[in-house]
Amino acid sequence: NGDYEKAAEFYKEALRNDSSCTEALYNLGLT
């Protein structure tokens, strides 16, 4: 939906819960 700042927050929260979540890390990089 184009809200990249908010998307980054969700990816960072996913990584805080599981630092090995590669999907979140990849998507955070894209964001």
Full PDB file with SEQRES, HELIX, SHEET, SSBOND, CRYST1, ORIGX, SCALE, CONECT and MASTER records, all heavy atoms in Angstrom:
SEQRES   1 A   31  ASN GLY ASP TYR GLU LYS ALA ALA GLU PHE TYR LYS GLU          
SEQRES   2 A   31  ALA LEU ARG ASN ASP SER SER CYS THR GLU ALA LEU TYR          
SEQRES   3 A   31  ASN LEU GLY LEU THR                                          
HELIX    1 AA1 TYR A    4  ASN A   17  1                                  14    
HELIX    2 AA2 THR A   22  LEU A   30  1                                   9    
CRYST1    1.000    1.000    1.000  90.00  90.00  90.00 P 1           1          
ORIGX1      1.000000  0.000000  0.000000        0.00000                         
ORIGX2      0.000000  1.000000  0.000000        0.00000                         
ORIGX3      0.000000  0.000000  1.000000        0.00000                         
SCALE1      1.000000  0.000000  0.000000        0.00000                         
SCALE2      0.000000  1.000000  0.000000        0.00000                         
SCALE3      0.000000  0.000000  1.000000        0.00000                         
ATOM      1  N   ASN A   1       0.816  -1.218   0.000  1.00  0.00           N  
ATOM      2  CA  ASN A   1       0.000   0.000   0.000  1.00  0.00           C  
ATOM      3  C   ASN A   1       0.850   1.269   0.000  1.00  0.00           C  
ATOM      4  O   ASN A   1       0.319   2.369   0.081  1.00  0.00           O  
ATOM      5  CB  ASN A   1      -0.965  -0.004   1.197  1.00  0.00           C  
ATOM      6  CG  ASN A   1      -2.121  -0.969   0.987  1.00  0.00           C  
ATOM      7  OD1 ASN A   1      -2.683  -1.039  -0.092  1.00  0.00           O  
ATOM      8  ND2 ASN A   1      -2.449  -1.733   2.014  1.00  0.00           N  
ATOM      9  N   GLY A   2       2.177   1.104  -0.059  1.00  0.00           N  
ATOM     10  CA  GLY A   2       3.061   2.257  -0.213  1.00  0.00           C  
ATOM     11  C   GLY A   2       3.532   2.920   1.068  1.00  0.00           C  
ATOM     12  O   GLY A   2       4.219   3.936   1.018  1.00  0.00           O  
ATOM     13  N   ASP A   3       3.187   2.356   2.223  1.00  0.00           N  
ATOM     14  CA  ASP A   3       3.628   2.951   3.492  1.00  0.00           C  
ATOM     15  C   ASP A   3       4.908   2.237   3.936  1.00  0.00           C  
ATOM     16  O   ASP A   3       4.889   1.335   4.780  1.00  0.00           O  
ATOM     17  CB  ASP A   3       2.532   2.819   4.552  1.00  0.00           C  
ATOM     18  CG  ASP A   3       2.828   3.640   5.801  1.00  0.00           C  
ATOM     19  OD1 ASP A   3       3.993   4.081   5.970  1.00  0.00           O  
ATOM     20  OD2 ASP A   3       1.913   3.826   6.623  1.00  0.00           O  
ATOM     21  N   TYR A   4       6.038   2.649   3.361  1.00  0.00           N  
ATOM     22  CA  TYR A   4       7.302   1.932   3.559  1.00  0.00           C  
ATOM     23  C   TYR A   4       7.854   2.073   4.978  1.00  0.00           C  
ATOM     24  O   TYR A   4       8.425   1.126   5.516  1.00  0.00           O  
ATOM     25  CB  TYR A   4       8.332   2.384   2.519  1.00  0.00           C  
ATOM     26  CG  TYR A   4       7.807   2.257   1.104  1.00  0.00           C  
ATOM     27  CD1 TYR A   4       7.721   3.357   0.265  1.00  0.00           C  
ATOM     28  CD2 TYR A   4       7.361   1.028   0.622  1.00  0.00           C  
ATOM     29  CE1 TYR A   4       7.211   3.239  -1.018  1.00  0.00           C  
ATOM     30  CE2 TYR A   4       6.850   0.900  -0.657  1.00  0.00           C  
ATOM     31  CZ  TYR A   4       6.781   2.010  -1.479  1.00  0.00           C  
ATOM     32  OH  TYR A   4       6.276   1.879  -2.744  1.00  0.00           O  
ATOM     33  N   GLU A   5       7.669   3.242   5.585  1.00  0.00           N  
ATOM     34  CA  GLU A   5       8.153   3.443   6.956  1.00  0.00           C  
ATOM     35  C   GLU A   5       7.451   2.480   7.920  1.00  0.00           C  
ATOM     36  O   GLU A   5       8.093   1.858   8.769  1.00  0.00           O  
ATOM     37  CB  GLU A   5       7.920   4.890   7.414  1.00  0.00           C  
ATOM     38  CG  GLU A   5       8.750   5.928   6.677  1.00  0.00           C  
ATOM     39  CD  GLU A   5      10.228   5.938   7.075  1.00  0.00           C  
ATOM     40  OE1 GLU A   5      10.610   5.191   7.995  1.00  0.00           O  
ATOM     41  OE2 GLU A   5      10.987   6.702   6.447  1.00  0.00           O  
ATOM     42  N   LYS A   6       6.137   2.362   7.770  1.00  0.00           N  
ATOM     43  CA  LYS A   6       5.372   1.475   8.642  1.00  0.00           C  
ATOM     44  C   LYS A   6       5.738   0.016   8.366  1.00  0.00           C  
ATOM     45  O   LYS A   6       5.831  -0.797   9.289  1.00  0.00           O  
ATOM     46  CB  LYS A   6       3.876   1.706   8.436  1.00  0.00           C  
ATOM     47  CG  LYS A   6       3.000   1.094   9.510  1.00  0.00           C  
ATOM     48  CD  LYS A   6       1.567   1.565   9.381  1.00  0.00           C  
ATOM     49  CE  LYS A   6       0.707   0.989  10.479  1.00  0.00           C  
ATOM     50  NZ  LYS A   6      -0.697   1.343  10.323  1.00  0.00           N  
ATOM     51  N   ALA A   7       5.944  -0.324   7.085  1.00  0.00           N  
ATOM     52  CA  ALA A   7       6.343  -1.688   6.723  1.00  0.00           C  
ATOM     53  C   ALA A   7       7.658  -2.038   7.405  1.00  0.00           C  
ATOM     54  O   ALA A   7       7.818  -3.131   7.960  1.00  0.00           O  
ATOM     55  CB  ALA A   7       6.470  -1.812   5.210  1.00  0.00           C  
ATOM     56  N   ALA A   8       8.607  -1.093   7.394  1.00  0.00           N  
ATOM     57  CA  ALA A   8       9.912  -1.317   8.035  1.00  0.00           C  
ATOM     58  C   ALA A   8       9.733  -1.625   9.520  1.00  0.00           C  
ATOM     59  O   ALA A   8      10.432  -2.499  10.064  1.00  0.00           O  
ATOM     60  CB  ALA A   8      10.809  -0.094   7.843  1.00  0.00           C  
ATOM     61  N   GLU A   9       8.790  -0.959  10.175  1.00  0.00           N  
ATOM     62  CA  GLU A   9       8.549  -1.209  11.599  1.00  0.00           C  
ATOM     63  C   GLU A   9       8.070  -2.639  11.833  1.00  0.00           C  
ATOM     64  O   GLU A   9       8.503  -3.296  12.790  1.00  0.00           O  
ATOM     65  CB  GLU A   9       7.529  -0.205  12.162  1.00  0.00           C  
ATOM     66  CG  GLU A   9       8.047   1.216  12.275  1.00  0.00           C  
ATOM     67  CD  GLU A   9       9.352   1.323  13.048  1.00  0.00           C  
ATOM     68  OE1 GLU A   9       9.459   0.713  14.140  1.00  0.00           O  
ATOM     69  OE2 GLU A   9      10.282   1.989  12.557  1.00  0.00           O  
ATOM     70  N   PHE A  10       7.179  -3.128  10.976  1.00  0.00           N  
ATOM     71  CA  PHE A  10       6.701  -4.513  11.131  1.00  0.00           C  
ATOM     72  C   PHE A  10       7.833  -5.513  10.900  1.00  0.00           C  
ATOM     73  O   PHE A  10       7.959  -6.496  11.621  1.00  0.00           O  
ATOM     74  CB  PHE A  10       5.524  -4.798  10.195  1.00  0.00           C  
ATOM     75  CG  PHE A  10       4.213  -4.262  10.703  1.00  0.00           C  
ATOM     76  CD1 PHE A  10       3.604  -3.181  10.088  1.00  0.00           C  
ATOM     77  CD2 PHE A  10       3.597  -4.829  11.816  1.00  0.00           C  
ATOM     78  CE1 PHE A  10       2.403  -2.669  10.564  1.00  0.00           C  
ATOM     79  CE2 PHE A  10       2.386  -4.330  12.294  1.00  0.00           C  
ATOM     80  CZ  PHE A  10       1.793  -3.252  11.670  1.00  0.00           C  
ATOM     81  N   TYR A  11       8.658  -5.265   9.883  1.00  0.00           N  
ATOM     82  CA  TYR A  11       9.784  -6.176   9.624  1.00  0.00           C  
ATOM     83  C   TYR A  11      10.772  -6.175  10.793  1.00  0.00           C  
ATOM     84  O   TYR A  11      11.269  -7.220  11.194  1.00  0.00           O  
ATOM     85  CB  TYR A  11      10.507  -5.801   8.324  1.00  0.00           C  
ATOM     86  CG  TYR A  11       9.645  -5.877   7.083  1.00  0.00           C  
ATOM     87  CD1 TYR A  11       9.704  -4.896   6.102  1.00  0.00           C  
ATOM     88  CD2 TYR A  11       8.767  -6.947   6.886  1.00  0.00           C  
ATOM     89  CE1 TYR A  11       8.918  -4.974   4.964  1.00  0.00           C  
ATOM     90  CE2 TYR A  11       7.969  -7.022   5.756  1.00  0.00           C  
ATOM     91  CZ  TYR A  11       8.050  -6.025   4.789  1.00  0.00           C  
ATOM     92  OH  TYR A  11       7.268  -6.102   3.661  1.00  0.00           O  
ATOM     93  N   LYS A  12      11.024  -4.977  11.361  1.00  0.00           N  
ATOM     94  CA  LYS A  12      11.953  -4.895  12.494  1.00  0.00           C  
ATOM     95  C   LYS A  12      11.379  -5.614  13.716  1.00  0.00           C  
ATOM     96  O   LYS A  12      12.114  -6.278  14.450  1.00  0.00           O  
ATOM     97  CB  LYS A  12      12.276  -3.430  12.826  1.00  0.00           C  
ATOM     98  CG  LYS A  12      13.222  -2.799  11.807  1.00  0.00           C  
ATOM     99  CD  LYS A  12      13.747  -1.464  12.275  1.00  0.00           C  
ATOM    100  CE  LYS A  12      12.827  -0.358  11.861  1.00  0.00           C  
ATOM    101  NZ  LYS A  12      13.371   0.988  12.047  1.00  0.00           N  
ATOM    102  N   GLU A  13      10.069  -5.506  13.907  1.00  0.00           N  
ATOM    103  CA  GLU A  13       9.436  -6.209  15.028  1.00  0.00           C  
ATOM    104  C   GLU A  13       9.526  -7.716  14.826  1.00  0.00           C  
ATOM    105  O   GLU A  13       9.797  -8.471  15.770  1.00  0.00           O  
ATOM    106  CB  GLU A  13       7.972  -5.767  15.180  1.00  0.00           C  
ATOM    107  CG  GLU A  13       7.332  -6.312  16.440  1.00  0.00           C  
ATOM    108  CD  GLU A  13       5.912  -5.818  16.678  1.00  0.00           C  
ATOM    109  OE1 GLU A  13       5.487  -4.836  16.030  1.00  0.00           O  
ATOM    110  OE2 GLU A  13       5.229  -6.430  17.519  1.00  0.00           O  
ATOM    111  N   ALA A  14       9.339  -8.171  13.586  1.00  0.00           N  
ATOM    112  CA  ALA A  14       9.477  -9.608  13.285  1.00  0.00           C  
ATOM    113  C   ALA A  14      10.889 -10.077  13.610  1.00  0.00           C  
ATOM    114  O   ALA A  14      11.084 -11.151  14.196  1.00  0.00           O  
ATOM    115  CB  ALA A  14       9.141  -9.865  11.817  1.00  0.00           C  
ATOM    116  N   LEU A  15      11.883  -9.261  13.280  1.00  0.00           N  
ATOM    117  CA  LEU A  15      13.280  -9.616  13.547  1.00  0.00           C  
ATOM    118  C   LEU A  15      13.605  -9.581  15.043  1.00  0.00           C  
ATOM    119  O   LEU A  15      14.440 -10.357  15.510  1.00  0.00           O  
ATOM    120  CB  LEU A  15      14.217  -8.687  12.772  1.00  0.00           C  
ATOM    121  CG  LEU A  15      14.260  -8.952  11.268  1.00  0.00           C  
ATOM    122  CD1 LEU A  15      14.909  -7.790  10.531  1.00  0.00           C  
ATOM    123  CD2 LEU A  15      14.996 -10.249  10.976  1.00  0.00           C  
ATOM    124  N   ARG A  16      12.944  -8.697  15.780  1.00  0.00           N  
ATOM    125  CA  ARG A  16      13.144  -8.687  17.234  1.00  0.00           C  
ATOM    126  C   ARG A  16      12.620  -9.984  17.860  1.00  0.00           C  
ATOM    127  O   ARG A  16      13.174 -10.502  18.815  1.00  0.00           O  
ATOM    128  CB  ARG A  16      12.458  -7.475  17.876  1.00  0.00           C  
ATOM    129  CG  ARG A  16      13.258  -6.186  17.738  1.00  0.00           C  
ATOM    130  CD  ARG A  16      12.715  -5.084  18.628  1.00  0.00           C  
ATOM    131  NE  ARG A  16      11.381  -4.654  18.273  1.00  0.00           N  
ATOM    132  CZ  ARG A  16      11.101  -3.718  17.363  1.00  0.00           C  
ATOM    133  NH1 ARG A  16      12.085  -3.109  16.712  1.00  0.00           N  
ATOM    134  NH2 ARG A  16       9.862  -3.366  17.105  1.00  0.00           N  
ATOM    135  N   ASN A  17      11.538 -10.510  17.280  1.00  0.00           N  
ATOM    136  CA  ASN A  17      10.959 -11.758  17.791  1.00  0.00           C  
ATOM    137  C   ASN A  17      11.721 -12.990  17.317  1.00  0.00           C  
ATOM    138  O   ASN A  17      11.730 -14.016  17.993  1.00  0.00           O  
ATOM    139  CB  ASN A  17       9.484 -11.881  17.379  1.00  0.00           C  
ATOM    140  CG  ASN A  17       8.631 -10.834  18.066  1.00  0.00           C  
ATOM    141  OD1 ASN A  17       8.953 -10.378  19.154  1.00  0.00           O  
ATOM    142  ND2 ASN A  17       7.546 -10.435  17.418  1.00  0.00           N  
ATOM    143  N   ASP A  18      12.327 -12.893  16.128  1.00  0.00           N  
ATOM    144  CA  ASP A  18      13.113 -14.015  15.589  1.00  0.00           C  
ATOM    145  C   ASP A  18      14.188 -13.443  14.673  1.00  0.00           C  
ATOM    146  O   ASP A  18      13.922 -13.103  13.515  1.00  0.00           O  
ATOM    147  CB  ASP A  18      12.200 -14.980  14.826  1.00  0.00           C  
ATOM    148  CG  ASP A  18      12.969 -16.148  14.219  1.00  0.00           C  
ATOM    149  OD1 ASP A  18      14.198 -16.256  14.462  1.00  0.00           O  
ATOM    150  OD2 ASP A  18      12.360 -16.944  13.492  1.00  0.00           O  
ATOM    151  N   SER A  19      15.391 -13.339  15.202  1.00  0.00           N  
ATOM    152  CA  SER A  19      16.481 -12.701  14.440  1.00  0.00           C  
ATOM    153  C   SER A  19      16.881 -13.498  13.203  1.00  0.00           C  
ATOM    154  O   SER A  19      17.579 -12.980  12.331  1.00  0.00           O  
ATOM    155  CB  SER A  19      17.699 -12.492  15.337  1.00  0.00           C  
ATOM    156  OG  SER A  19      18.153 -13.739  15.816  1.00  0.00           O  
ATOM    157  N   SER A  20      16.432 -14.751  13.100  1.00  0.00           N  
ATOM    158  CA  SER A  20      16.771 -15.561  11.928  1.00  0.00           C  
ATOM    159  C   SER A  20      15.663 -15.559  10.872  1.00  0.00           C  
ATOM    160  O   SER A  20      15.688 -16.370   9.942  1.00  0.00           O  
ATOM    161  CB  SER A  20      17.078 -17.002  12.358  1.00  0.00           C  
ATOM    162  OG  SER A  20      15.905 -17.611  12.856  1.00  0.00           O  
ATOM    163  N   CYS A  21      14.707 -14.666  10.997  1.00  0.00           N  
ATOM    164  CA  CYS A  21      13.603 -14.590  10.022  1.00  0.00           C  
ATOM    165  C   CYS A  21      14.120 -13.923   8.741  1.00  0.00           C  
ATOM    166  O   CYS A  21      14.125 -12.694   8.614  1.00  0.00           O  
ATOM    167  CB  CYS A  21      12.420 -13.819  10.610  1.00  0.00           C  
ATOM    168  SG  CYS A  21      10.997 -13.776   9.498  1.00  0.00           S  
ATOM    169  N   THR A  22      14.568 -14.753   7.810  1.00  0.00           N  
ATOM    170  CA  THR A  22      15.214 -14.234   6.597  1.00  0.00           C  
ATOM    171  C   THR A  22      14.255 -13.441   5.710  1.00  0.00           C  
ATOM    172  O   THR A  22      14.669 -12.486   5.060  1.00  0.00           O  
ATOM    173  CB  THR A  22      15.850 -15.374   5.782  1.00  0.00           C  
ATOM    174  OG1 THR A  22      14.869 -16.382   5.530  1.00  0.00           O  
ATOM    175  CG2 THR A  22      17.021 -15.989   6.521  1.00  0.00           C  
ATOM    176  N   GLU A  23      12.973 -13.818   5.714  1.00  0.00           N  
ATOM    177  CA  GLU A  23      12.000 -13.088   4.894  1.00  0.00           C  
ATOM    178  C   GLU A  23      11.877 -11.645   5.375  1.00  0.00           C  
ATOM    179  O   GLU A  23      11.848 -10.711   4.570  1.00  0.00           O  
ATOM    180  CB  GLU A  23      10.618 -13.762   4.921  1.00  0.00           C  
ATOM    181  CG  GLU A  23      10.567 -15.124   4.287  1.00  0.00           C  
ATOM    182  CD  GLU A  23      10.943 -16.249   5.256  1.00  0.00           C  
ATOM    183  OE1 GLU A  23      11.325 -15.955   6.421  1.00  0.00           O  
ATOM    184  OE2 GLU A  23      10.874 -17.417   4.846  1.00  0.00           O  
ATOM    185  N   ALA A  24      11.814 -11.471   6.685  1.00  0.00           N  
ATOM    186  CA  ALA A  24      11.698 -10.119   7.244  1.00  0.00           C  
ATOM    187  C   ALA A  24      12.947  -9.304   6.932  1.00  0.00           C  
ATOM    188  O   ALA A  24      12.858  -8.129   6.564  1.00  0.00           O  
ATOM    189  CB  ALA A  24      11.456 -10.177   8.744  1.00  0.00           C  
ATOM    190  N   LEU A  25      14.114  -9.934   7.058  1.00  0.00           N  
ATOM    191  CA  LEU A  25      15.373  -9.225   6.792  1.00  0.00           C  
ATOM    192  C   LEU A  25      15.480  -8.836   5.325  1.00  0.00           C  
ATOM    193  O   LEU A  25      15.881  -7.714   4.992  1.00  0.00           O  
ATOM    194  CB  LEU A  25      16.559 -10.100   7.215  1.00  0.00           C  
ATOM    195  CG  LEU A  25      17.944  -9.463   7.197  1.00  0.00           C  
ATOM    196  CD1 LEU A  25      17.986  -8.180   8.025  1.00  0.00           C  
ATOM    197  CD2 LEU A  25      18.990 -10.455   7.712  1.00  0.00           C  
ATOM    198  N   TYR A  26      15.104  -9.747   4.423  1.00  0.00           N  
ATOM    199  CA  TYR A  26      15.134  -9.454   2.985  1.00  0.00           C  
ATOM    200  C   TYR A  26      14.181  -8.296   2.660  1.00  0.00           C  
ATOM    201  O   TYR A  26      14.541  -7.341   1.972  1.00  0.00           O  
ATOM    202  CB  TYR A  26      14.748 -10.701   2.182  1.00  0.00           C  
ATOM    203  CG  TYR A  26      14.907 -10.542   0.691  1.00  0.00           C  
ATOM    204  CD1 TYR A  26      16.116 -10.846   0.071  1.00  0.00           C  
ATOM    205  CD2 TYR A  26      13.854 -10.083  -0.101  1.00  0.00           C  
ATOM    206  CE1 TYR A  26      16.276 -10.705  -1.299  1.00  0.00           C  
ATOM    207  CE2 TYR A  26      14.010  -9.933  -1.464  1.00  0.00           C  
ATOM    208  CZ  TYR A  26      15.218 -10.247  -2.065  1.00  0.00           C  
ATOM    209  OH  TYR A  26      15.372 -10.088  -3.424  1.00  0.00           O  
ATOM    210  N   ASN A  27      12.960  -8.393   3.186  1.00  0.00           N  
ATOM    211  CA  ASN A  27      11.959  -7.360   2.903  1.00  0.00           C  
ATOM    212  C   ASN A  27      12.324  -6.020   3.530  1.00  0.00           C  
ATOM    213  O   ASN A  27      12.020  -4.964   2.973  1.00  0.00           O  
ATOM    214  CB  ASN A  27      10.574  -7.818   3.354  1.00  0.00           C  
ATOM    215  CG  ASN A  27      10.052  -8.967   2.514  1.00  0.00           C  
ATOM    216  OD1 ASN A  27      10.647  -9.336   1.505  1.00  0.00           O  
ATOM    217  ND2 ASN A  27       8.956  -9.554   2.927  1.00  0.00           N  
ATOM    218  N   LEU A  28      12.993  -6.064   4.688  1.00  0.00           N  
ATOM    219  CA  LEU A  28      13.469  -4.818   5.307  1.00  0.00           C  
ATOM    220  C   LEU A  28      14.514  -4.166   4.392  1.00  0.00           C  
ATOM    221  O   LEU A  28      14.495  -2.949   4.192  1.00  0.00           O  
ATOM    222  CB  LEU A  28      14.052  -5.097   6.694  1.00  0.00           C  
ATOM    223  CG  LEU A  28      14.561  -3.885   7.468  1.00  0.00           C  
ATOM    224  CD1 LEU A  28      13.439  -2.869   7.711  1.00  0.00           C  
ATOM    225  CD2 LEU A  28      15.173  -4.318   8.802  1.00  0.00           C  
ATOM    226  N   GLY A  29      15.396  -4.989   3.821  1.00  0.00           N  
ATOM    227  CA  GLY A  29      16.381  -4.472   2.868  1.00  0.00           C  
ATOM    228  C   GLY A  29      15.713  -3.817   1.667  1.00  0.00           C  
ATOM    229  O   GLY A  29      16.097  -2.725   1.245  1.00  0.00           O  
ATOM    230  N   LEU A  30      14.679  -4.477   1.130  1.00  0.00           N  
ATOM    231  CA  LEU A  30      13.942  -3.905  -0.009  1.00  0.00           C  
ATOM    232  C   LEU A  30      13.250  -2.599   0.377  1.00  0.00           C  
ATOM    233  O   LEU A  30      13.194  -1.652  -0.418  1.00  0.00           O  
ATOM    234  CB  LEU A  30      12.892  -4.898  -0.527  1.00  0.00           C  
ATOM    235  CG  LEU A  30      13.392  -6.145  -1.236  1.00  0.00           C  
ATOM    236  CD1 LEU A  30      12.214  -7.012  -1.668  1.00  0.00           C  
ATOM    237  CD2 LEU A  30      14.252  -5.790  -2.446  1.00  0.00           C  
ATOM    238  N   THR A  31      12.734  -2.562   1.604  1.00  0.00           N  
ATOM    239  CA  THR A  31      12.046  -1.357   2.085  1.00  0.00           C  
ATOM    240  C   THR A  31      13.023  -0.195   2.190  1.00  0.00           C  
ATOM    241  O   THR A  31      12.727   0.918   1.742  1.00  0.00           O  
ATOM    242  CB  THR A  31      11.378  -1.632   3.451  1.00  0.00           C  
ATOM    243  OG1 THR A  31      10.519  -2.765   3.318  1.00  0.00           O  
ATOM    244  CG2 THR A  31      10.571  -0.437   3.906  1.00  0.00           C  
TER     245      THR A  31                                                      
MASTER        0    0    0    2    0    0    0    6  244    1    0    3          
END                                                                             
